[in-house]
Amino acid sequence: DEPAEIEAAFRDAWAGADVIITTG
């Protein structure tokens, strides 16, 4: 739940995926 870790994970997913689902 750490903001910096969420940002890093989402940035990586947004760069490589076409559809991104987050939960929680």
mmCIF file of all heavy atoms, coordinates in Angstrom:
data_MODEL
# 
_entry.id   MODEL 
# 
loop_
_atom_site.group_PDB 
_atom_site.id 
_atom_site.type_symbol 
_atom_site.label_atom_id 
_atom_site.label_alt_id 
_atom_site.label_comp_id 
_atom_site.label_asym_id 
_atom_site.label_entity_id 
_atom_site.label_seq_id 
_atom_site.pdbx_PDB_ins_code 
_atom_site.Cartn_x 
_atom_site.Cartn_y 
_atom_site.Cartn_z 
_atom_site.occupancy 
_atom_site.B_iso_or_equiv 
_atom_site.pdbx_formal_charge 
_atom_site.auth_seq_id 
_atom_site.auth_comp_id 
_atom_site.auth_asym_id 
_atom_site.auth_atom_id 
_atom_site.pdbx_PDB_model_num 
ATOM 1   N N   . ASP A 1 1  ? 0.810  -1.222 0.000   1.00 0.00 ? 1  ASP A N   1 
ATOM 2   C CA  . ASP A 1 1  ? 0.000  0.000  0.000   1.00 0.00 ? 1  ASP A CA  1 
ATOM 3   C C   . ASP A 1 1  ? 0.843  1.273  0.000   1.00 0.00 ? 1  ASP A C   1 
ATOM 4   O O   . ASP A 1 1  ? 0.306  2.359  0.218   1.00 0.00 ? 1  ASP A O   1 
ATOM 5   C CB  . ASP A 1 1  ? -0.931 0.000  1.224   1.00 0.00 ? 1  ASP A CB  1 
ATOM 6   C CG  . ASP A 1 1  ? -2.015 -1.063 1.126   1.00 0.00 ? 1  ASP A CG  1 
ATOM 7   O OD1 . ASP A 1 1  ? -2.618 -1.178 0.044   1.00 0.00 ? 1  ASP A OD1 1 
ATOM 8   O OD2 . ASP A 1 1  ? -2.249 -1.773 2.112   1.00 0.00 ? 1  ASP A OD2 1 
ATOM 9   N N   . GLU A 1 2  ? 2.142  1.162  -0.222  1.00 0.00 ? 2  GLU A N   1 
ATOM 10  C CA  . GLU A 1 2  ? 3.016  2.327  -0.233  1.00 0.00 ? 2  GLU A CA  1 
ATOM 11  C C   . GLU A 1 2  ? 2.864  3.093  -1.552  1.00 0.00 ? 2  GLU A C   1 
ATOM 12  O O   . GLU A 1 2  ? 2.980  2.499  -2.640  1.00 0.00 ? 2  GLU A O   1 
ATOM 13  C CB  . GLU A 1 2  ? 4.478  1.896  -0.064  1.00 0.00 ? 2  GLU A CB  1 
ATOM 14  C CG  . GLU A 1 2  ? 4.797  1.301  1.291   1.00 0.00 ? 2  GLU A CG  1 
ATOM 15  C CD  . GLU A 1 2  ? 4.589  2.327  2.404   1.00 0.00 ? 2  GLU A CD  1 
ATOM 16  O OE1 . GLU A 1 2  ? 4.881  3.522  2.174   1.00 0.00 ? 2  GLU A OE1 1 
ATOM 17  O OE2 . GLU A 1 2  ? 4.127  1.928  3.486   1.00 0.00 ? 2  GLU A OE2 1 
ATOM 18  N N   . PRO A 1 3  ? 2.596  4.412  -1.516  1.00 0.00 ? 3  PRO A N   1 
ATOM 19  C CA  . PRO A 1 3  ? 2.369  5.180  -2.747  1.00 0.00 ? 3  PRO A CA  1 
ATOM 20  C C   . PRO A 1 3  ? 3.488  5.037  -3.772  1.00 0.00 ? 3  PRO A C   1 
ATOM 21  O O   . PRO A 1 3  ? 3.211  4.873  -4.973  1.00 0.00 ? 3  PRO A O   1 
ATOM 22  C CB  . PRO A 1 3  ? 2.259  6.620  -2.236  1.00 0.00 ? 3  PRO A CB  1 
ATOM 23  C CG  . PRO A 1 3  ? 1.756  6.488  -0.835  1.00 0.00 ? 3  PRO A CG  1 
ATOM 24  C CD  . PRO A 1 3  ? 2.394  5.237  -0.304  1.00 0.00 ? 3  PRO A CD  1 
ATOM 25  N N   . ALA A 1 4  ? 4.749  5.089  -3.333  1.00 0.00 ? 4  ALA A N   1 
ATOM 26  C CA  . ALA A 1 4  ? 5.857  5.010  -4.285  1.00 0.00 ? 4  ALA A CA  1 
ATOM 27  C C   . ALA A 1 4  ? 5.884  3.655  -4.993  1.00 0.00 ? 4  ALA A C   1 
ATOM 28  O O   . ALA A 1 4  ? 6.189  3.574  -6.193  1.00 0.00 ? 4  ALA A O   1 
ATOM 29  C CB  . ALA A 1 4  ? 7.178  5.252  -3.569  1.00 0.00 ? 4  ALA A CB  1 
ATOM 30  N N   . GLU A 1 5  ? 5.562  2.599  -4.272  1.00 0.00 ? 5  GLU A N   1 
ATOM 31  C CA  . GLU A 1 5  ? 5.571  1.267  -4.875  1.00 0.00 ? 5  GLU A CA  1 
ATOM 32  C C   . GLU A 1 5  ? 4.383  1.088  -5.821  1.00 0.00 ? 5  GLU A C   1 
ATOM 33  O O   . GLU A 1 5  ? 4.501  0.416  -6.854  1.00 0.00 ? 5  GLU A O   1 
ATOM 34  C CB  . GLU A 1 5  ? 5.579  0.204  -3.781  1.00 0.00 ? 5  GLU A CB  1 
ATOM 35  C CG  . GLU A 1 5  ? 6.847  0.251  -2.935  1.00 0.00 ? 5  GLU A CG  1 
ATOM 36  C CD  . GLU A 1 5  ? 6.924  -0.886 -1.941  1.00 0.00 ? 5  GLU A CD  1 
ATOM 37  O OE1 . GLU A 1 5  ? 6.288  -1.937 -2.168  1.00 0.00 ? 5  GLU A OE1 1 
ATOM 38  O OE2 . GLU A 1 5  ? 7.623  -0.726 -0.923  1.00 0.00 ? 5  GLU A OE2 1 
ATOM 39  N N   . ILE A 1 6  ? 3.252  1.667  -5.473  1.00 0.00 ? 6  ILE A N   1 
ATOM 40  C CA  . ILE A 1 6  ? 2.099  1.618  -6.377  1.00 0.00 ? 6  ILE A CA  1 
ATOM 41  C C   . ILE A 1 6  ? 2.431  2.351  -7.674  1.00 0.00 ? 6  ILE A C   1 
ATOM 42  O O   . ILE A 1 6  ? 2.151  1.861  -8.775  1.00 0.00 ? 6  ILE A O   1 
ATOM 43  C CB  . ILE A 1 6  ? 0.860  2.229  -5.711  1.00 0.00 ? 6  ILE A CB  1 
ATOM 44  C CG1 . ILE A 1 6  ? 0.478  1.436  -4.458  1.00 0.00 ? 6  ILE A CG1 1 
ATOM 45  C CG2 . ILE A 1 6  ? -0.316 2.266  -6.687  1.00 0.00 ? 6  ILE A CG2 1 
ATOM 46  C CD1 . ILE A 1 6  ? -0.628 2.068  -3.637  1.00 0.00 ? 6  ILE A CD1 1 
ATOM 47  N N   . GLU A 1 7  ? 3.045  3.533  -7.535  1.00 0.00 ? 7  GLU A N   1 
ATOM 48  C CA  . GLU A 1 7  ? 3.412  4.308  -8.729  1.00 0.00 ? 7  GLU A CA  1 
ATOM 49  C C   . GLU A 1 7  ? 4.366  3.529  -9.619  1.00 0.00 ? 7  GLU A C   1 
ATOM 50  O O   . GLU A 1 7  ? 4.198  3.487  -10.847 1.00 0.00 ? 7  GLU A O   1 
ATOM 51  C CB  . GLU A 1 7  ? 4.043  5.637  -8.308  1.00 0.00 ? 7  GLU A CB  1 
ATOM 52  C CG  . GLU A 1 7  ? 3.061  6.616  -7.691  1.00 0.00 ? 7  GLU A CG  1 
ATOM 53  C CD  . GLU A 1 7  ? 3.718  7.949  -7.373  1.00 0.00 ? 7  GLU A CD  1 
ATOM 54  O OE1 . GLU A 1 7  ? 4.646  8.334  -8.126  1.00 0.00 ? 7  GLU A OE1 1 
ATOM 55  O OE2 . GLU A 1 7  ? 3.321  8.597  -6.385  1.00 0.00 ? 7  GLU A OE2 1 
ATOM 56  N N   . ALA A 1 8  ? 5.374  2.900  -9.021  1.00 0.00 ? 8  ALA A N   1 
ATOM 57  C CA  . ALA A 1 8  ? 6.365  2.173  -9.813  1.00 0.00 ? 8  ALA A CA  1 
ATOM 58  C C   . ALA A 1 8  ? 5.722  0.997  -10.547 1.00 0.00 ? 8  ALA A C   1 
ATOM 59  O O   . ALA A 1 8  ? 5.985  0.773  -11.734 1.00 0.00 ? 8  ALA A O   1 
ATOM 60  C CB  . ALA A 1 8  ? 7.502  1.686  -8.910  1.00 0.00 ? 8  ALA A CB  1 
ATOM 61  N N   . ALA A 1 9  ? 4.882  0.247  -9.842  1.00 0.00 ? 9  ALA A N   1 
ATOM 62  C CA  . ALA A 1 9  ? 4.235  -0.910 -10.456 1.00 0.00 ? 9  ALA A CA  1 
ATOM 63  C C   . ALA A 1 9  ? 3.271  -0.482 -11.552 1.00 0.00 ? 9  ALA A C   1 
ATOM 64  O O   . ALA A 1 9  ? 3.222  -1.087 -12.632 1.00 0.00 ? 9  ALA A O   1 
ATOM 65  C CB  . ALA A 1 9  ? 3.503  -1.721 -9.392  1.00 0.00 ? 9  ALA A CB  1 
ATOM 66  N N   . PHE A 1 10 ? 2.524  0.587  -11.291 1.00 0.00 ? 10 PHE A N   1 
ATOM 67  C CA  . PHE A 1 10 ? 1.557  1.030  -12.298 1.00 0.00 ? 10 PHE A CA  1 
ATOM 68  C C   . PHE A 1 10 ? 2.271  1.618  -13.516 1.00 0.00 ? 10 PHE A C   1 
ATOM 69  O O   . PHE A 1 10 ? 1.856  1.380  -14.658 1.00 0.00 ? 10 PHE A O   1 
ATOM 70  C CB  . PHE A 1 10 ? 0.608  2.064  -11.707 1.00 0.00 ? 10 PHE A CB  1 
ATOM 71  C CG  . PHE A 1 10 ? -0.377 2.577  -12.718 1.00 0.00 ? 10 PHE A CG  1 
ATOM 72  C CD1 . PHE A 1 10 ? -1.442 1.791  -13.133 1.00 0.00 ? 10 PHE A CD1 1 
ATOM 73  C CD2 . PHE A 1 10 ? -0.221 3.834  -13.289 1.00 0.00 ? 10 PHE A CD2 1 
ATOM 74  C CE1 . PHE A 1 10 ? -2.344 2.245  -14.094 1.00 0.00 ? 10 PHE A CE1 1 
ATOM 75  C CE2 . PHE A 1 10 ? -1.108 4.294  -14.250 1.00 0.00 ? 10 PHE A CE2 1 
ATOM 76  C CZ  . PHE A 1 10 ? -2.173 3.496  -14.645 1.00 0.00 ? 10 PHE A CZ  1 
ATOM 77  N N   . ARG A 1 11 ? 3.330  2.347  -13.294 1.00 0.00 ? 11 ARG A N   1 
ATOM 78  C CA  . ARG A 1 11 ? 4.076  2.929  -14.419 1.00 0.00 ? 11 ARG A CA  1 
ATOM 79  C C   . ARG A 1 11 ? 4.597  1.822  -15.343 1.00 0.00 ? 11 ARG A C   1 
ATOM 80  O O   . ARG A 1 11 ? 4.526  1.927  -16.580 1.00 0.00 ? 11 ARG A O   1 
ATOM 81  C CB  . ARG A 1 11 ? 5.236  3.775  -13.897 1.00 0.00 ? 11 ARG A CB  1 
ATOM 82  C CG  . ARG A 1 11 ? 6.000  4.518  -14.998 1.00 0.00 ? 11 ARG A CG  1 
ATOM 83  C CD  . ARG A 1 11 ? 7.084  5.413  -14.425 1.00 0.00 ? 11 ARG A CD  1 
ATOM 84  N NE  . ARG A 1 11 ? 6.533  6.564  -13.712 1.00 0.00 ? 11 ARG A NE  1 
ATOM 85  C CZ  . ARG A 1 11 ? 6.535  6.695  -12.393 1.00 0.00 ? 11 ARG A CZ  1 
ATOM 86  N NH1 . ARG A 1 11 ? 7.067  5.739  -11.633 1.00 0.00 ? 11 ARG A NH1 1 
ATOM 87  N NH2 . ARG A 1 11 ? 6.011  7.754  -11.819 1.00 0.00 ? 11 ARG A NH2 1 
ATOM 88  N N   . ASP A 1 12 ? 5.092  0.752  -14.743 1.00 0.00 ? 12 ASP A N   1 
ATOM 89  C CA  . ASP A 1 12 ? 5.595  -0.372 -15.532 1.00 0.00 ? 12 ASP A CA  1 
ATOM 90  C C   . ASP A 1 12 ? 4.462  -1.056 -16.303 1.00 0.00 ? 12 ASP A C   1 
ATOM 91  O O   . ASP A 1 12 ? 4.604  -1.382 -17.488 1.00 0.00 ? 12 ASP A O   1 
ATOM 92  C CB  . ASP A 1 12 ? 6.283  -1.376 -14.603 1.00 0.00 ? 12 ASP A CB  1 
ATOM 93  C CG  . ASP A 1 12 ? 6.827  -2.573 -15.350 1.00 0.00 ? 12 ASP A CG  1 
ATOM 94  O OD1 . ASP A 1 12 ? 7.656  -2.376 -16.252 1.00 0.00 ? 12 ASP A OD1 1 
ATOM 95  O OD2 . ASP A 1 12 ? 6.423  -3.704 -15.043 1.00 0.00 ? 12 ASP A OD2 1 
ATOM 96  N N   . ALA A 1 13 ? 3.321  -1.262 -15.644 1.00 0.00 ? 13 ALA A N   1 
ATOM 97  C CA  . ALA A 1 13 ? 2.182  -1.905 -16.300 1.00 0.00 ? 13 ALA A CA  1 
ATOM 98  C C   . ALA A 1 13 ? 1.632  -1.036 -17.424 1.00 0.00 ? 13 ALA A C   1 
ATOM 99  O O   . ALA A 1 13 ? 1.312  -1.521 -18.516 1.00 0.00 ? 13 ALA A O   1 
ATOM 100 C CB  . ALA A 1 13 ? 1.094  -2.205 -15.278 1.00 0.00 ? 13 ALA A CB  1 
ATOM 101 N N   . TRP A 1 14 ? 1.543  0.275  -17.173 1.00 0.00 ? 14 TRP A N   1 
ATOM 102 C CA  . TRP A 1 14 ? 0.997  1.188  -18.175 1.00 0.00 ? 14 TRP A CA  1 
ATOM 103 C C   . TRP A 1 14 ? 1.893  1.231  -19.421 1.00 0.00 ? 14 TRP A C   1 
ATOM 104 O O   . TRP A 1 14 ? 1.404  1.365  -20.546 1.00 0.00 ? 14 TRP A O   1 
ATOM 105 C CB  . TRP A 1 14 ? 0.855  2.581  -17.572 1.00 0.00 ? 14 TRP A CB  1 
ATOM 106 C CG  . TRP A 1 14 ? 0.145  3.571  -18.450 1.00 0.00 ? 14 TRP A CG  1 
ATOM 107 C CD1 . TRP A 1 14 ? 0.711  4.575  -19.188 1.00 0.00 ? 14 TRP A CD1 1 
ATOM 108 C CD2 . TRP A 1 14 ? -1.265 3.656  -18.677 1.00 0.00 ? 14 TRP A CD2 1 
ATOM 109 N NE1 . TRP A 1 14 ? -0.260 5.268  -19.857 1.00 0.00 ? 14 TRP A NE1 1 
ATOM 110 C CE2 . TRP A 1 14 ? -1.485 4.735  -19.569 1.00 0.00 ? 14 TRP A CE2 1 
ATOM 111 C CE3 . TRP A 1 14 ? -2.361 2.937  -18.218 1.00 0.00 ? 14 TRP A CE3 1 
ATOM 112 C CZ2 . TRP A 1 14 ? -2.760 5.109  -19.999 1.00 0.00 ? 14 TRP A CZ2 1 
ATOM 113 C CZ3 . TRP A 1 14 ? -3.635 3.298  -18.652 1.00 0.00 ? 14 TRP A CZ3 1 
ATOM 114 C CH2 . TRP A 1 14 ? -3.820 4.368  -19.534 1.00 0.00 ? 14 TRP A CH2 1 
ATOM 115 N N   . ALA A 1 15 ? 3.187  1.058  -19.220 1.00 0.00 ? 15 ALA A N   1 
ATOM 116 C CA  . ALA A 1 15 ? 4.118  1.100  -20.346 1.00 0.00 ? 15 ALA A CA  1 
ATOM 117 C C   . ALA A 1 15 ? 4.027  -0.148 -21.218 1.00 0.00 ? 15 ALA A C   1 
ATOM 118 O O   . ALA A 1 15 ? 4.247  -0.084 -22.432 1.00 0.00 ? 15 ALA A O   1 
ATOM 119 C CB  . ALA A 1 15 ? 5.552  1.267  -19.841 1.00 0.00 ? 15 ALA A CB  1 
ATOM 120 N N   . GLY A 1 16 ? 3.676  -1.303 -20.602 1.00 0.00 ? 16 GLY A N   1 
ATOM 121 C CA  . GLY A 1 16 ? 3.749  -2.546 -21.359 1.00 0.00 ? 16 GLY A CA  1 
ATOM 122 C C   . GLY A 1 16 ? 2.438  -3.221 -21.674 1.00 0.00 ? 16 GLY A C   1 
ATOM 123 O O   . GLY A 1 16 ? 2.392  -4.119 -22.516 1.00 0.00 ? 16 GLY A O   1 
ATOM 124 N N   . ALA A 1 17 ? 1.341  -2.822 -21.029 1.00 0.00 ? 17 ALA A N   1 
ATOM 125 C CA  . ALA A 1 17 ? 0.067  -3.508 -21.211 1.00 0.00 ? 17 ALA A CA  1 
ATOM 126 C C   . ALA A 1 17 ? -0.931 -2.625 -21.940 1.00 0.00 ? 17 ALA A C   1 
ATOM 127 O O   . ALA A 1 17 ? -0.787 -1.392 -22.001 1.00 0.00 ? 17 ALA A O   1 
ATOM 128 C CB  . ALA A 1 17 ? -0.502 -3.938 -19.853 1.00 0.00 ? 17 ALA A CB  1 
ATOM 129 N N   . ASP A 1 18 ? -1.950 -3.266 -22.500 1.00 0.00 ? 18 ASP A N   1 
ATOM 130 C CA  . ASP A 1 18 ? -3.038 -2.541 -23.166 1.00 0.00 ? 18 ASP A CA  1 
ATOM 131 C C   . ASP A 1 18 ? -4.226 -2.314 -22.235 1.00 0.00 ? 18 ASP A C   1 
ATOM 132 O O   . ASP A 1 18 ? -4.963 -1.343 -22.372 1.00 0.00 ? 18 ASP A O   1 
ATOM 133 C CB  . ASP A 1 18 ? -3.523 -3.328 -24.390 1.00 0.00 ? 18 ASP A CB  1 
ATOM 134 C CG  . ASP A 1 18 ? -2.393 -3.623 -25.358 1.00 0.00 ? 18 ASP A CG  1 
ATOM 135 O OD1 . ASP A 1 18 ? -1.852 -2.659 -25.926 1.00 0.00 ? 18 ASP A OD1 1 
ATOM 136 O OD2 . ASP A 1 18 ? -2.053 -4.807 -25.535 1.00 0.00 ? 18 ASP A OD2 1 
ATOM 137 N N   . VAL A 1 19 ? -4.418 -3.243 -21.309 1.00 0.00 ? 19 VAL A N   1 
ATOM 138 C CA  . VAL A 1 19 ? -5.502 -3.154 -20.320 1.00 0.00 ? 19 VAL A CA  1 
ATOM 139 C C   . VAL A 1 19 ? -4.886 -3.385 -18.950 1.00 0.00 ? 19 VAL A C   1 
ATOM 140 O O   . VAL A 1 19 ? -4.150 -4.355 -18.742 1.00 0.00 ? 19 VAL A O   1 
ATOM 141 C CB  . VAL A 1 19 ? -6.600 -4.196 -20.582 1.00 0.00 ? 19 VAL A CB  1 
ATOM 142 C CG1 . VAL A 1 19 ? -7.732 -4.048 -19.574 1.00 0.00 ? 19 VAL A CG1 1 
ATOM 143 C CG2 . VAL A 1 19 ? -7.132 -4.079 -22.011 1.00 0.00 ? 19 VAL A CG2 1 
ATOM 144 N N   . ILE A 1 20 ? -5.168 -2.500 -18.008 1.00 0.00 ? 20 ILE A N   1 
ATOM 145 C CA  . ILE A 1 20 ? -4.636 -2.615 -16.648 1.00 0.00 ? 20 ILE A CA  1 
ATOM 146 C C   . ILE A 1 20 ? -5.803 -2.609 -15.683 1.00 0.00 ? 20 ILE A C   1 
ATOM 147 O O   . ILE A 1 20 ? -6.662 -1.726 -15.728 1.00 0.00 ? 20 ILE A O   1 
ATOM 148 C CB  . ILE A 1 20 ? -3.673 -1.459 -16.300 1.00 0.00 ? 20 ILE A CB  1 
ATOM 149 C CG1 . ILE A 1 20 ? -2.492 -1.424 -17.276 1.00 0.00 ? 20 ILE A CG1 1 
ATOM 150 C CG2 . ILE A 1 20 ? -3.159 -1.602 -14.873 1.00 0.00 ? 20 ILE A CG2 1 
ATOM 151 C CD1 . ILE A 1 20 ? -2.697 -0.512 -18.460 1.00 0.00 ? 20 ILE A CD1 1 
ATOM 152 N N   . ILE A 1 21 ? -5.843 -3.608 -14.818 1.00 0.00 ? 21 ILE A N   1 
ATOM 153 C CA  . ILE A 1 21 ? -6.860 -3.715 -13.775 1.00 0.00 ? 21 ILE A CA  1 
ATOM 154 C C   . ILE A 1 21 ? -6.162 -3.554 -12.433 1.00 0.00 ? 21 ILE A C   1 
ATOM 155 O O   . ILE A 1 21 ? -5.155 -4.217 -12.168 1.00 0.00 ? 21 ILE A O   1 
ATOM 156 C CB  . ILE A 1 21 ? -7.573 -5.077 -13.807 1.00 0.00 ? 21 ILE A CB  1 
ATOM 157 C CG1 . ILE A 1 21 ? -8.042 -5.428 -15.214 1.00 0.00 ? 21 ILE A CG1 1 
ATOM 158 C CG2 . ILE A 1 21 ? -8.727 -5.094 -12.811 1.00 0.00 ? 21 ILE A CG2 1 
ATOM 159 C CD1 . ILE A 1 21 ? -9.158 -4.596 -15.748 1.00 0.00 ? 21 ILE A CD1 1 
ATOM 160 N N   . THR A 1 22 ? -6.684 -2.685 -11.584 1.00 0.00 ? 22 THR A N   1 
ATOM 161 C CA  . THR A 1 22 ? -6.181 -2.591 -10.217 1.00 0.00 ? 22 THR A CA  1 
ATOM 162 C C   . THR A 1 22 ? -7.300 -2.981 -9.256  1.00 0.00 ? 22 THR A C   1 
ATOM 163 O O   . THR A 1 22 ? -8.477 -2.756 -9.536  1.00 0.00 ? 22 THR A O   1 
ATOM 164 C CB  . THR A 1 22 ? -5.684 -1.178 -9.860  1.00 0.00 ? 22 THR A CB  1 
ATOM 165 O OG1 . THR A 1 22 ? -6.806 -0.287 -9.716  1.00 0.00 ? 22 THR A OG1 1 
ATOM 166 C CG2 . THR A 1 22 ? -4.742 -0.638 -10.925 1.00 0.00 ? 22 THR A CG2 1 
ATOM 167 N N   . THR A 1 23 ? -6.922 -3.591 -8.132  1.00 0.00 ? 23 THR A N   1 
ATOM 168 C CA  . THR A 1 23 ? -7.901 -3.937 -7.104  1.00 0.00 ? 23 THR A CA  1 
ATOM 169 C C   . THR A 1 23 ? -7.408 -3.424 -5.762  1.00 0.00 ? 23 THR A C   1 
ATOM 170 O O   . THR A 1 23 ? -6.247 -3.596 -5.412  1.00 0.00 ? 23 THR A O   1 
ATOM 171 C CB  . THR A 1 23 ? -8.120 -5.459 -7.008  1.00 0.00 ? 23 THR A CB  1 
ATOM 172 O OG1 . THR A 1 23 ? -6.938 -6.090 -6.497  1.00 0.00 ? 23 THR A OG1 1 
ATOM 173 C CG2 . THR A 1 23 ? -8.456 -6.053 -8.370  1.00 0.00 ? 23 THR A CG2 1 
ATOM 174 N N   . GLY A 1 24 ? -8.308 -2.773 -5.034  1.00 0.00 ? 24 GLY A N   1 
ATOM 175 C CA  . GLY A 1 24 ? -7.978 -2.303 -3.699  1.00 0.00 ? 24 GLY A CA  1 
ATOM 176 C C   . GLY A 1 24 ? -7.448 -0.882 -3.677  1.00 0.00 ? 24 GLY A C   1 
ATOM 177 O O   . GLY A 1 24 ? -7.058 -0.315 -4.702  1.00 0.00 ? 24 GLY A O   1 
# 
